[in-house]
Each structure stands twice: as C-alpha cells, then as structure tokens.
Amino acid sequence: MKIRLYLDEDTMDKDLAHALRIRGVDVVTAFDIGMIRRADSDHLAVATQQERSLYSFNVRDYQLLHTQCLAATNHHAGIILAQQQKYSIGEQMRRLLKLIAERSAEEMADTLAFLSQW
C-alpha cells in the first residue's frame, strides 16, 4: 500500500499539501481535521488511527514519542522528521515523493525516517 501522509501543525504549509495532492499523494493536515493546538501525542494517535505517516519538524518530541511507543509495544504508521527551515517547499516535496516512491506504507510502520536521508 502507498504511504499516506499527515502533516502536523509545523509542516502543514498549504503550498506543500497542494503540491503533494496534485502529484497523487493522499495527504491531510492538522488543520483539515481540526487538530490545531493539540499535543504531539494526539497528532501521532490520529495519524496512526488513519494509517498515515506523520511528517513534522518537531524532531526532539517525535523521536521521544517514537521511542516511548515502541517501548510500550504500541504501533504507529511511521514518522518522518526534518529540520525546520532547512528545506524549501519544493525540496520537501521532492524528498517526500522519493520516500513514497521507494517505501510502502507497510515498510514505514513503526519507523522513524529523516527527510535528509531522501
């Protein structure tokens, strides 16, 4: 199955979401589903329930949530992290598209990936 994305409050740029959508990516943002000003754990829970890999700039908190999730034998649909202000919208899109082309949703499950790898 193809990776579906959830863009949290940090990464939910409308231009990025639009660029991904017109290229066939199934993507929702925190704004789209009423998740503004919610805890990171809530964003991860919603992304997991919807079987979406979460994309965020919040590296520190989501690394911790990933570790805690796996230690508690819980699961998530994948977390993709990037440093804020490191990549343009176009570069984020290209790297996300490359990741989506090379990994399946099943391969992303319980995985922490860094956009810099792509």
PDB file of N, CA and C in Angstrom:
ATOM      1  N   MET A   1       0.846  -1.179   0.000  1.00  0.00           N
ATOM      2  CA  MET A   1       0.000   0.000   0.000  1.00  0.00           C
ATOM      3  C   MET A   1       0.899   1.252   0.000  1.00  0.00           C
ATOM      4  N   LYS A   2       0.423   2.294  -0.643  1.00  0.00           N
ATOM      5  CA  LYS A   2       1.168   3.546  -0.758  1.00  0.00           C
ATOM      6  C   LYS A   2       1.097   4.342   0.549  1.00  0.00           C
ATOM      7  N   ILE A   3       2.180   5.007   0.897  1.00  0.00           N
ATOM      8  CA  ILE A   3       2.230   5.850   2.093  1.00  0.00           C
ATOM      9  C   ILE A   3       1.233   6.997   1.946  1.00  0.00           C
ATOM     10  N   ARG A   4       0.451   7.199   3.006  1.00  0.00           N
ATOM     11  CA  ARG A   4      -0.452   8.345   3.102  1.00  0.00           C
ATOM     12  C   ARG A   4       0.116   9.248   4.187  1.00  0.00           C
ATOM     13  N   LEU A   5       0.022  10.557   4.006  1.00  0.00           N
ATOM     14  CA  LEU A   5       0.677  11.491   4.923  1.00  0.00           C
ATOM     15  C   LEU A   5      -0.288  12.276   5.801  1.00  0.00           C
ATOM     16  N   TYR A   6       0.200  12.587   6.986  1.00  0.00           N
ATOM     17  CA  TYR A   6      -0.445  13.513   7.920  1.00  0.00           C
ATOM     18  C   TYR A   6       0.580  14.609   8.221  1.00  0.00           C
ATOM     19  N   LEU A   7       0.260  15.850   7.867  1.00  0.00           N
ATOM     20  CA  LEU A   7       1.156  16.972   8.147  1.00  0.00           C
ATOM     21  C   LEU A   7       0.705  17.632   9.435  1.00  0.00           C
ATOM     22  N   ASP A   8       1.564  17.630  10.446  1.00  0.00           N
ATOM     23  CA  ASP A   8       1.188  18.240  11.724  1.00  0.00           C
ATOM     24  C   ASP A   8       1.211  19.759  11.597  1.00  0.00           C
ATOM     25  N   GLU A   9       0.985  20.452  12.698  1.00  0.00           N
ATOM     26  CA  GLU A   9       0.904  21.915  12.673  1.00  0.00           C
ATOM     27  C   GLU A   9       2.188  22.567  12.159  1.00  0.00           C
ATOM     28  N   ASP A  10       3.323  21.954  12.417  1.00  0.00           N
ATOM     29  CA  ASP A  10       4.596  22.522  11.986  1.00  0.00           C
ATOM     30  C   ASP A  10       4.783  22.468  10.470  1.00  0.00           C
ATOM     31  N   THR A  11       4.322  21.405   9.845  1.00  0.00           N
ATOM     32  CA  THR A  11       4.605  21.172   8.432  1.00  0.00           C
ATOM     33  C   THR A  11       3.411  21.395   7.513  1.00  0.00           C
ATOM     34  N   MET A  12       2.301  21.864   8.044  1.00  0.00           N
ATOM     35  CA  MET A  12       1.068  21.903   7.251  1.00  0.00           C
ATOM     36  C   MET A  12       0.965  23.095   6.302  1.00  0.00           C
ATOM     37  N   ASP A  13       2.017  23.447   5.661  1.00  0.00           N
ATOM     38  CA  ASP A  13       2.013  24.520   4.671  1.00  0.00           C
ATOM     39  C   ASP A  13       1.042  24.165   3.535  1.00  0.00           C
ATOM     40  N   LYS A  14       0.141  25.088   3.216  1.00  0.00           N
ATOM     41  CA  LYS A  14      -0.876  24.798   2.198  1.00  0.00           C
ATOM     42  C   LYS A  14      -0.258  24.551   0.825  1.00  0.00           C
ATOM     43  N   ASP A  15       0.855  25.228   0.518  1.00  0.00           N
ATOM     44  CA  ASP A  15       1.519  25.002  -0.764  1.00  0.00           C
ATOM     45  C   ASP A  15       2.116  23.600  -0.845  1.00  0.00           C
ATOM     46  N   LEU A  16       2.693  23.129   0.243  1.00  0.00           N
ATOM     47  CA  LEU A  16       3.241  21.772   0.269  1.00  0.00           C
ATOM     48  C   LEU A  16       2.123  20.748   0.118  1.00  0.00           C
ATOM     49  N   ALA A  17       1.067  20.901   0.894  1.00  0.00           N
ATOM     50  CA  ALA A  17      -0.061  19.966   0.809  1.00  0.00           C
ATOM     51  C   ALA A  17      -0.637  19.944  -0.611  1.00  0.00           C
ATOM     52  N   HIS A  18      -0.816  21.108  -1.203  1.00  0.00           N
ATOM     53  CA  HIS A  18      -1.358  21.195  -2.569  1.00  0.00           C
ATOM     54  C   HIS A  18      -0.419  20.527  -3.571  1.00  0.00           C
ATOM     55  N   ALA A  19       0.873  20.820  -3.477  1.00  0.00           N
ATOM     56  CA  ALA A  19       1.851  20.232  -4.396  1.00  0.00           C
ATOM     57  C   ALA A  19       1.849  18.704  -4.305  1.00  0.00           C
ATOM     58  N   LEU A  20       1.738  18.182  -3.103  1.00  0.00           N
ATOM     59  CA  LEU A  20       1.700  16.730  -2.931  1.00  0.00           C
ATOM     60  C   LEU A  20       0.399  16.154  -3.494  1.00  0.00           C
ATOM     61  N   ARG A  21      -0.700  16.819  -3.210  1.00  0.00           N
ATOM     62  CA  ARG A  21      -2.006  16.321  -3.689  1.00  0.00           C
ATOM     63  C   ARG A  21      -2.069  16.269  -5.208  1.00  0.00           C
ATOM     64  N   ILE A  22      -1.574  17.307  -5.884  1.00  0.00           N
ATOM     65  CA  ILE A  22      -1.669  17.282  -7.351  1.00  0.00           C
ATOM     66  C   ILE A  22      -0.731  16.239  -7.959  1.00  0.00           C
ATOM     67  N   ARG A  23       0.153  15.705  -7.151  1.00  0.00           N
ATOM     68  CA  ARG A  23       1.031  14.629  -7.599  1.00  0.00           C
ATOM     69  C   ARG A  23       0.539  13.265  -7.109  1.00  0.00           C
ATOM     70  N   GLY A  24      -0.698  13.229  -6.626  1.00  0.00           N
ATOM     71  CA  GLY A  24      -1.340  11.960  -6.288  1.00  0.00           C
ATOM     72  C   GLY A  24      -1.136  11.452  -4.882  1.00  0.00           C
ATOM     73  N   VAL A  25      -0.558  12.256  -4.005  1.00  0.00           N
ATOM     74  CA  VAL A  25      -0.328  11.814  -2.630  1.00  0.00           C
ATOM     75  C   VAL A  25      -1.589  12.063  -1.802  1.00  0.00           C
ATOM     76  N   ASP A  26      -1.988  11.075  -1.053  1.00  0.00           N
ATOM     77  CA  ASP A  26      -3.111  11.198  -0.119  1.00  0.00           C
ATOM     78  C   ASP A  26      -2.560  11.865   1.136  1.00  0.00           C
ATOM     79  N   VAL A  27      -2.922  13.132   1.341  1.00  0.00           N
ATOM     80  CA  VAL A  27      -2.368  13.910   2.449  1.00  0.00           C
ATOM     81  C   VAL A  27      -3.471  14.701   3.137  1.00  0.00           C
ATOM     82  N   VAL A  28      -3.433  14.711   4.469  1.00  0.00           N
ATOM     83  CA  VAL A  28      -4.289  15.585   5.260  1.00  0.00           C
ATOM     84  C   VAL A  28      -3.398  16.398   6.183  1.00  0.00           C
ATOM     85  N   THR A  29      -3.903  17.568   6.564  1.00  0.00           N
ATOM     86  CA  THR A  29      -3.169  18.412   7.501  1.00  0.00           C
ATOM     87  C   THR A  29      -3.914  18.469   8.827  1.00  0.00           C
ATOM     88  N   ALA A  30      -3.215  18.897   9.850  1.00  0.00           N
ATOM     89  CA  ALA A  30      -3.842  19.072  11.166  1.00  0.00           C
ATOM     90  C   ALA A  30      -5.033  20.020  11.054  1.00  0.00           C
ATOM     91  N   PHE A  31      -4.904  21.038  10.237  1.00  0.00           N
ATOM     92  CA  PHE A  31      -5.997  21.990  10.040  1.00  0.00           C
ATOM     93  C   PHE A  31      -7.212  21.319   9.402  1.00  0.00           C
ATOM     94  N   ASP A  32      -6.970  20.477   8.399  1.00  0.00           N
ATOM     95  CA  ASP A  32      -8.060  19.801   7.671  1.00  0.00           C
ATOM     96  C   ASP A  32      -8.982  19.036   8.606  1.00  0.00           C
ATOM     97  N   ILE A  33      -8.408  18.460   9.643  1.00  0.00           N
ATOM     98  CA  ILE A  33      -9.214  17.579  10.511  1.00  0.00           C
ATOM     99  C   ILE A  33      -9.388  18.133  11.926  1.00  0.00           C
ATOM    100  N   GLY A  34      -9.196  19.431  12.088  1.00  0.00           N
ATOM    101  CA  GLY A  34      -9.477  20.084  13.365  1.00  0.00           C
ATOM    102  C   GLY A  34      -8.534  19.724  14.491  1.00  0.00           C
ATOM    103  N   MET A  35      -7.256  19.577  14.178  1.00  0.00           N
ATOM    104  CA  MET A  35      -6.276  19.168  15.199  1.00  0.00           C
ATOM    105  C   MET A  35      -5.306  20.294  15.573  1.00  0.00           C
ATOM    106  N   ILE A  36      -5.745  21.529  15.461  1.00  0.00           N
ATOM    107  CA  ILE A  36      -4.887  22.661  15.805  1.00  0.00           C
ATOM    108  C   ILE A  36      -4.775  22.774  17.330  1.00  0.00           C
ATOM    109  N   ARG A  37      -3.554  23.113  17.774  1.00  0.00           N
ATOM    110  CA  ARG A  37      -3.230  23.289  19.195  1.00  0.00           C
ATOM    111  C   ARG A  37      -3.488  22.020  20.018  1.00  0.00           C
ATOM    112  N   ARG A  38      -3.099  20.905  19.464  1.00  0.00           N
ATOM    113  CA  ARG A  38      -3.218  19.631  20.171  1.00  0.00           C
ATOM    114  C   ARG A  38      -1.822  19.111  20.493  1.00  0.00           C
ATOM    115  N   ALA A  39      -1.762  18.235  21.456  1.00  0.00           N
ATOM    116  CA  ALA A  39      -0.491  17.645  21.888  1.00  0.00           C
ATOM    117  C   ALA A  39       0.090  16.775  20.763  1.00  0.00           C
ATOM    118  N   ASP A  40       1.408  16.683  20.738  1.00  0.00           N
ATOM    119  CA  ASP A  40       2.081  15.842  19.741  1.00  0.00           C
ATOM    120  C   ASP A  40       1.580  14.409  19.800  1.00  0.00           C
ATOM    121  N   SER A  41       1.350  13.914  21.000  1.00  0.00           N
ATOM    122  CA  SER A  41       0.851  12.542  21.142  1.00  0.00           C
ATOM    123  C   SER A  41      -0.524  12.385  20.498  1.00  0.00           C
ATOM    124  N   ASP A  42      -1.347  13.435  20.538  1.00  0.00           N
ATOM    125  CA  ASP A  42      -2.658  13.391  19.877  1.00  0.00           C
ATOM    126  C   ASP A  42      -2.497  13.345  18.358  1.00  0.00           C
ATOM    127  N   HIS A  43      -1.562  14.140  17.834  1.00  0.00           N
ATOM    128  CA  HIS A  43      -1.306  14.111  16.384  1.00  0.00           C
ATOM    129  C   HIS A  43      -0.860  12.716  15.956  1.00  0.00           C
ATOM    130  N   LEU A  44       0.050  12.119  16.721  1.00  0.00           N
ATOM    131  CA  LEU A  44       0.532  10.780  16.378  1.00  0.00           C
ATOM    132  C   LEU A  44      -0.593   9.758  16.472  1.00  0.00           C
ATOM    133  N   ALA A  45      -1.442   9.892  17.474  1.00  0.00           N
ATOM    134  CA  ALA A  45      -2.570   8.957  17.630  1.00  0.00           C
ATOM    135  C   ALA A  45      -3.531   9.045  16.440  1.00  0.00           C
ATOM    136  N   VAL A  46      -3.853  10.260  16.018  1.00  0.00           N
ATOM    137  CA  VAL A  46      -4.758  10.438  14.876  1.00  0.00           C
ATOM    138  C   VAL A  46      -4.116   9.909  13.602  1.00  0.00           C
ATOM    139  N   ALA A  47      -2.858  10.220  13.384  1.00  0.00           N
ATOM    140  CA  ALA A  47      -2.161   9.717  12.204  1.00  0.00           C
ATOM    141  C   ALA A  47      -2.171   8.188  12.201  1.00  0.00           C
ATOM    142  N   THR A  48      -1.935   7.600  13.355  1.00  0.00           N
ATOM    143  CA  THR A  48      -1.928   6.141  13.478  1.00  0.00           C
ATOM    144  C   THR A  48      -3.308   5.563  13.192  1.00  0.00           C
ATOM    145  N   GLN A  49      -4.353   6.164  13.777  1.00  0.00           N
ATOM    146  CA  GLN A  49      -5.723   5.689  13.539  1.00  0.00           C
ATOM    147  C   GLN A  49      -6.086   5.739  12.066  1.00  0.00           C
ATOM    148  N   GLN A  50      -5.592   6.752  11.370  1.00  0.00           N
ATOM    149  CA  GLN A  50      -5.895   6.911   9.946  1.00  0.00           C
ATOM    150  C   GLN A  50      -4.881   6.204   9.041  1.00  0.00           C
ATOM    151  N   GLU A  51      -3.943   5.500   9.649  1.00  0.00           N
ATOM    152  CA  GLU A  51      -2.895   4.774   8.928  1.00  0.00           C
ATOM    153  C   GLU A  51      -2.112   5.707   8.007  1.00  0.00           C
ATOM    154  N   ARG A  52      -1.671   6.833   8.591  1.00  0.00           N
ATOM    155  CA  ARG A  52      -0.897   7.840   7.876  1.00  0.00           C
ATOM    156  C   ARG A  52       0.448   8.033   8.558  1.00  0.00           C
ATOM    157  N   SER A  53       1.481   8.199   7.759  1.00  0.00           N
ATOM    158  CA  SER A  53       2.791   8.553   8.303  1.00  0.00           C
ATOM    159  C   SER A  53       2.761  10.036   8.634  1.00  0.00           C
ATOM    160  N   LEU A  54       3.235  10.367   9.816  1.00  0.00           N
ATOM    161  CA  LEU A  54       3.233  11.743  10.289  1.00  0.00           C
ATOM    162  C   LEU A  54       4.505  12.441   9.847  1.00  0.00           C
ATOM    163  N   TYR A  55       4.359  13.651   9.319  1.00  0.00           N
ATOM    164  CA  TYR A  55       5.507  14.460   8.901  1.00  0.00           C
ATOM    165  C   TYR A  55       5.564  15.698   9.785  1.00  0.00           C
ATOM    166  N   SER A  56       6.748  15.955  10.378  1.00  0.00           N
ATOM    167  CA  SER A  56       6.889  17.070  11.313  1.00  0.00           C
ATOM    168  C   SER A  56       8.305  17.626  11.307  1.00  0.00           C
ATOM    169  N   PHE A  57       8.416  18.871  11.785  1.00  0.00           N
ATOM    170  CA  PHE A  57       9.714  19.484  12.063  1.00  0.00           C
ATOM    171  C   PHE A  57      10.102  19.303  13.527  1.00  0.00           C
ATOM    172  N   ASN A  58       9.205  18.772  14.326  1.00  0.00           N
ATOM    173  CA  ASN A  58       9.405  18.658  15.769  1.00  0.00           C
ATOM    174  C   ASN A  58      10.236  17.405  16.077  1.00  0.00           C
ATOM    175  N   VAL A  59      11.498  17.461  15.750  1.00  0.00           N
ATOM    176  CA  VAL A  59      12.390  16.302  15.821  1.00  0.00           C
ATOM    177  C   VAL A  59      12.483  15.744  17.243  1.00  0.00           C
ATOM    178  N   ARG A  60      12.785  16.582  18.199  1.00  0.00           N
ATOM    179  CA  ARG A  60      13.021  16.120  19.570  1.00  0.00           C
ATOM    180  C   ARG A  60      11.807  15.389  20.147  1.00  0.00           C
ATOM    181  N   ASP A  61      10.640  16.004  20.057  1.00  0.00           N
ATOM    182  CA  ASP A  61       9.452  15.411  20.681  1.00  0.00           C
ATOM    183  C   ASP A  61       9.010  14.126  19.988  1.00  0.00           C
ATOM    184  N   TYR A  62       9.069  14.106  18.656  1.00  0.00           N
ATOM    185  CA  TYR A  62       8.621  12.891  17.968  1.00  0.00           C
ATOM    186  C   TYR A  62       9.635  11.758  18.056  1.00  0.00           C
ATOM    187  N   GLN A  63      10.914  12.064  18.198  1.00  0.00           N
ATOM    188  CA  GLN A  63      11.890  10.993  18.465  1.00  0.00           C
ATOM    189  C   GLN A  63      11.554  10.331  19.794  1.00  0.00           C
ATOM    190  N   LEU A  64      11.238  11.142  20.801  1.00  0.00           N
ATOM    191  CA  LEU A  64      10.867  10.621  22.112  1.00  0.00           C
ATOM    192  C   LEU A  64       9.573   9.810  22.036  1.00  0.00           C
ATOM    193  N   LEU A  65       8.563  10.337  21.348  1.00  0.00           N
ATOM    194  CA  LEU A  65       7.303   9.601  21.215  1.00  0.00           C
ATOM    195  C   LEU A  65       7.499   8.274  20.491  1.00  0.00           C
ATOM    196  N   HIS A  66       8.346   8.267  19.475  1.00  0.00           N
ATOM    197  CA  HIS A  66       8.647   7.029  18.746  1.00  0.00           C
ATOM    198  C   HIS A  66       9.253   5.993  19.702  1.00  0.00           C
ATOM    199  N   THR A  67      10.231   6.409  20.475  1.00  0.00           N
ATOM    200  CA  THR A  67      10.887   5.504  21.426  1.00  0.00           C
ATOM    201  C   THR A  67       9.898   4.995  22.475  1.00  0.00           C
ATOM    202  N   GLN A  68       9.099   5.886  23.015  1.00  0.00           N
ATOM    203  CA  GLN A  68       8.104   5.504  24.025  1.00  0.00           C
ATOM    204  C   GLN A  68       7.059   4.552  23.442  1.00  0.00           C
ATOM    205  N   CYS A  69       6.646   4.823  22.232  1.00  0.00           N
ATOM    206  CA  CYS A  69       5.641   3.995  21.565  1.00  0.00           C
ATOM    207  C   CYS A  69       6.145   2.560  21.401  1.00  0.00           C
ATOM    208  N   LEU A  70       7.352   2.423  20.910  1.00  0.00           N
ATOM    209  CA  LEU A  70       7.898   1.081  20.687  1.00  0.00           C
ATOM    210  C   LEU A  70       8.204   0.373  21.999  1.00  0.00           C
ATOM    211  N   ALA A  71       8.649   1.126  23.022  1.00  0.00           N
ATOM    212  CA  ALA A  71       8.933   0.523  24.321  1.00  0.00           C
ATOM    213  C   ALA A  71       7.664  -0.023  24.966  1.00  0.00           C
ATOM    214  N   ALA A  72       6.540   0.633  24.677  1.00  0.00           N
ATOM    215  CA  ALA A  72       5.257   0.197  25.241  1.00  0.00           C
ATOM    216  C   ALA A  72       4.560  -0.809  24.323  1.00  0.00           C
ATOM    217  N   THR A  73       5.272  -1.291  23.320  1.00  0.00           N
ATOM    218  CA  THR A  73       4.759  -2.198  22.287  1.00  0.00           C
ATOM    219  C   THR A  73       3.502  -1.663  21.612  1.00  0.00           C
ATOM    220  N   ASN A  74       3.445  -0.357  21.454  1.00  0.00           N
ATOM    221  CA  ASN A  74       2.404   0.270  20.652  1.00  0.00           C
ATOM    222  C   ASN A  74       2.940   0.420  19.235  1.00  0.00           C
ATOM    223  N   HIS A  75       2.081   0.783  18.336  1.00  0.00           N
ATOM    224  CA  HIS A  75       2.479   0.903  16.940  1.00  0.00           C
ATOM    225  C   HIS A  75       2.089   2.263  16.388  1.00  0.00           C
ATOM    226  N   HIS A  76       2.769   2.669  15.325  1.00  0.00           N
ATOM    227  CA  HIS A  76       2.385   3.858  14.577  1.00  0.00           C
ATOM    228  C   HIS A  76       2.663   3.598  13.100  1.00  0.00           C
ATOM    229  N   ALA A  77       2.148   4.469  12.243  1.00  0.00           N
ATOM    230  CA  ALA A  77       2.255   4.260  10.798  1.00  0.00           C
ATOM    231  C   ALA A  77       3.498   4.906  10.198  1.00  0.00           C
ATOM    232  N   GLY A  78       4.412   5.330  11.056  1.00  0.00           N
ATOM    233  CA  GLY A  78       5.652   5.937  10.589  1.00  0.00           C
ATOM    234  C   GLY A  78       5.724   7.403  10.926  1.00  0.00           C
ATOM    235  N   ILE A  79       6.932   7.867  11.169  1.00  0.00           N
ATOM    236  CA  ILE A  79       7.185   9.270  11.471  1.00  0.00           C
ATOM    237  C   ILE A  79       8.317   9.735  10.562  1.00  0.00           C
ATOM    238  N   ILE A  80       8.084  10.862   9.890  1.00  0.00           N
ATOM    239  CA  ILE A  80       9.095  11.464   9.015  1.00  0.00           C
ATOM    240  C   ILE A  80       9.445  12.819   9.612  1.00  0.00           C
ATOM    241  N   LEU A  81      10.724  13.037   9.858  1.00  0.00           N
ATOM    242  CA  LEU A  81      11.156  14.271  10.514  1.00  0.00           C
ATOM    243  C   LEU A  81      12.150  15.044   9.656  1.00  0.00           C
ATOM    244  N   ALA A  82      12.074  16.364   9.779  1.00  0.00           N
ATOM    245  CA  ALA A  82      13.012  17.238   9.076  1.00  0.00           C
ATOM    246  C   ALA A  82      13.306  18.439   9.957  1.00  0.00           C
ATOM    247  N   GLN A  83      14.477  19.019   9.750  1.00  0.00           N
ATOM    248  CA  GLN A  83      14.816  20.242  10.464  1.00  0.00           C
ATOM    249  C   GLN A  83      14.064  21.406   9.837  1.00  0.00           C
ATOM    250  N   GLN A  84      13.437  22.208  10.683  1.00  0.00           N
ATOM    251  CA  GLN A  84      12.681  23.349  10.204  1.00  0.00           C
ATOM    252  C   GLN A  84      13.598  24.346   9.503  1.00  0.00           C
ATOM    253  N   GLN A  85      13.119  24.928   8.453  1.00  0.00           N
ATOM    254  CA  GLN A  85      13.800  25.948   7.657  1.00  0.00           C
ATOM    255  C   GLN A  85      15.041  25.422   6.938  1.00  0.00           C
ATOM    256  N   LYS A  86      15.208  24.115   6.875  1.00  0.00           N
ATOM    257  CA  LYS A  86      16.348  23.570   6.142  1.00  0.00           C
ATOM    258  C   LYS A  86      16.019  23.368   4.666  1.00  0.00           C
ATOM    259  N   TYR A  87      14.752  23.063   4.378  1.00  0.00           N
ATOM    260  CA  TYR A  87      14.349  22.728   3.023  1.00  0.00           C
ATOM    261  C   TYR A  87      13.244  23.660   2.529  1.00  0.00           C
ATOM    262  N   SER A  88      13.335  24.032   1.267  1.00  0.00           N
ATOM    263  CA  SER A  88      12.257  24.793   0.632  1.00  0.00           C
ATOM    264  C   SER A  88      11.038  23.875   0.479  1.00  0.00           C
ATOM    265  N   ILE A  89       9.908  24.466   0.148  1.00  0.00           N
ATOM    266  CA  ILE A  89       8.699  23.668  -0.106  1.00  0.00           C
ATOM    267  C   ILE A  89       8.972  22.663  -1.225  1.00  0.00           C
ATOM    268  N   GLY A  90       9.607  23.119  -2.295  1.00  0.00           N
ATOM    269  CA  GLY A  90       9.921  22.227  -3.412  1.00  0.00           C
ATOM    270  C   GLY A  90      10.828  21.078  -3.021  1.00  0.00           C
ATOM    271  N   GLU A  91      11.816  21.365  -2.199  1.00  0.00           N
ATOM    272  CA  GLU A  91      12.739  20.314  -1.756  1.00  0.00           C
ATOM    273  C   GLU A  91      12.036  19.325  -0.830  1.00  0.00           C
ATOM    274  N   GLN A  92      11.189  19.815   0.063  1.00  0.00           N
ATOM    275  CA  GLN A  92      10.411  18.911   0.918  1.00  0.00           C
ATOM    276  C   GLN A  92       9.555  17.987   0.056  1.00  0.00           C
ATOM    277  N   MET A  93       8.867  18.575  -0.927  1.00  0.00           N
ATOM    278  CA  MET A  93       8.007  17.791  -1.806  1.00  0.00           C
ATOM    279  C   MET A  93       8.813  16.722  -2.533  1.00  0.00           C
ATOM    280  N   ARG A  94       9.939  17.102  -3.138  1.00  0.00           N
ATOM    281  CA  ARG A  94      10.757  16.132  -3.871  1.00  0.00           C
ATOM    282  C   ARG A  94      11.226  14.989  -2.966  1.00  0.00           C
ATOM    283  N   ARG A  95      11.682  15.331  -1.790  1.00  0.00           N
ATOM    284  CA  ARG A  95      12.174  14.286  -0.878  1.00  0.00           C
ATOM    285  C   ARG A  95      11.044  13.388  -0.384  1.00  0.00           C
ATOM    286  N   LEU A  96       9.886  13.978  -0.066  1.00  0.00           N
ATOM    287  CA  LEU A  96       8.737  13.166   0.357  1.00  0.00           C
ATOM    288  C   LEU A  96       8.279  12.253  -0.781  1.00  0.00           C
ATOM    289  N   LEU A  97       8.234  12.774  -1.994  1.00  0.00           N
ATOM    290  CA  LEU A  97       7.845  11.950  -3.142  1.00  0.00           C
ATOM    291  C   LEU A  97       8.817  10.801  -3.364  1.00  0.00           C
ATOM    292  N   LYS A  98      10.102  11.059  -3.176  1.00  0.00           N
ATOM    293  CA  LYS A  98      11.102   9.996  -3.324  1.00  0.00           C
ATOM    294  C   LYS A  98      10.890   8.915  -2.260  1.00  0.00           C
ATOM    295  N   LEU A  99      10.666   9.335  -1.032  1.00  0.00           N
ATOM    296  CA  LEU A  99      10.412   8.371   0.048  1.00  0.00           C
ATOM    297  C   LEU A  99       9.177   7.531  -0.277  1.00  0.00           C
ATOM    298  N   ILE A 100       8.101   8.195  -0.693  1.00  0.00           N
ATOM    299  CA  ILE A 100       6.846   7.499  -1.009  1.00  0.00           C
ATOM    300  C   ILE A 100       7.036   6.535  -2.175  1.00  0.00           C
ATOM    301  N   ALA A 101       7.860   6.895  -3.138  1.00  0.00           N
ATOM    302  CA  ALA A 101       8.112   6.020  -4.296  1.00  0.00           C
ATOM    303  C   ALA A 101       8.931   4.792  -3.919  1.00  0.00           C
ATOM    304  N   GLU A 102       9.774   4.930  -2.903  1.00  0.00           N
ATOM    305  CA  GLU A 102      10.704   3.847  -2.583  1.00  0.00           C
ATOM    306  C   GLU A 102      10.288   2.980  -1.392  1.00  0.00           C
ATOM    307  N   ARG A 103       9.349   3.457  -0.585  1.00  0.00           N
ATOM    308  CA  ARG A 103       8.890   2.682   0.577  1.00  0.00           C
ATOM    309  C   ARG A 103       7.382   2.515   0.542  1.00  0.00           C
ATOM    310  N   SER A 104       6.940   1.369   1.001  1.00  0.00           N
ATOM    311  CA  SER A 104       5.497   1.138   1.118  1.00  0.00           C
ATOM    312  C   SER A 104       5.028   1.571   2.506  1.00  0.00           C
ATOM    313  N   ALA A 105       3.730   1.677   2.672  1.00  0.00           N
ATOM    314  CA  ALA A 105       3.162   2.008   3.978  1.00  0.00           C
ATOM    315  C   ALA A 105       3.550   0.941   5.006  1.00  0.00           C
ATOM    316  N   GLU A 106       3.579  -0.294   4.570  1.00  0.00           N
ATOM    317  CA  GLU A 106       3.949  -1.388   5.474  1.00  0.00           C
ATOM    318  C   GLU A 106       5.400  -1.260   5.936  1.00  0.00           C
ATOM    319  N   GLU A 107       6.278  -0.832   5.044  1.00  0.00           N
ATOM    320  CA  GLU A 107       7.683  -0.642   5.400  1.00  0.00           C
ATOM    321  C   GLU A 107       7.879   0.555   6.332  1.00  0.00           C
ATOM    322  N   MET A 108       6.989   1.531   6.273  1.00  0.00           N
ATOM    323  CA  MET A 108       7.087   2.715   7.135  1.00  0.00           C
ATOM    324  C   MET A 108       6.579   2.458   8.548  1.00  0.00           C
ATOM    325  N   ALA A 109       5.759   1.435   8.716  1.00  0.00           N
ATOM    326  CA  ALA A 109       5.164   1.161  10.028  1.00  0.00           C
ATOM    327  C   ALA A 109       6.241   1.064  11.105  1.00  0.00           C
ATOM    328  N   ASP A 110       6.021   1.789  12.195  1.00  0.00           N
ATOM    329  CA  ASP A 110       6.907   1.796  13.364  1.00  0.00           C
ATOM    330  C   ASP A 110       8.322   2.289  13.046  1.00  0.00           C
ATOM    331  N   THR A 111       8.470   3.029  11.954  1.00  0.00           N
ATOM    332  CA  THR A 111       9.774   3.520  11.519  1.00  0.00           C
ATOM    333  C   THR A 111       9.881   5.024  11.721  1.00  0.00           C
ATOM    334  N   LEU A 112      11.069   5.454  12.083  1.00  0.00           N
ATOM    335  CA  LEU A 112      11.399   6.869  12.186  1.00  0.00           C
ATOM    336  C   LEU A 112      12.346   7.176  11.034  1.00  0.00           C
ATOM    337  N   ALA A 113      11.946   8.077  10.135  1.00  0.00           N
ATOM    338  CA  ALA A 113      12.766   8.421   8.976  1.00  0.00           C
ATOM    339  C   ALA A 113      13.078   9.906   9.005  1.00  0.00           C
ATOM    340  N   PHE A 114      14.222  10.255   8.507  1.00  0.00           N
ATOM    341  CA  PHE A 114      14.631  11.666   8.422  1.00  0.00           C
ATOM    342  C   PHE A 114      14.627  12.078   6.958  1.00  0.00           C
ATOM    343  N   LEU A 115      14.025  13.214   6.674  1.00  0.00           N
ATOM    344  CA  LEU A 115      13.921  13.703   5.308  1.00  0.00           C
ATOM    345  C   LEU A 115      15.297  13.846   4.674  1.00  0.00           C
ATOM    346  N   SER A 116      16.309  14.117   5.486  1.00  0.00           N
ATOM    347  CA  SER A 116      17.672  14.269   4.976  1.00  0.00           C
ATOM    348  C   SER A 116      18.190  13.004   4.296  1.00  0.00           C
ATOM    349  N   GLN A 117      17.617  11.850   4.617  1.00  0.00           N
ATOM    350  CA  GLN A 117      18.016  10.582   4.009  1.00  0.00           C
ATOM    351  C   GLN A 117      17.516  10.461   2.570  1.00  0.00           C
ATOM    352  N   TRP A 118      16.561  11.275   2.207  1.00  0.00           N
ATOM    353  CA  TRP A 118      15.907  11.138   0.914  1.00  0.00           C
ATOM    354  C   TRP A 118      16.261  12.287   0.040  1.00  0.00           C
TER     355      TRP A 118
END
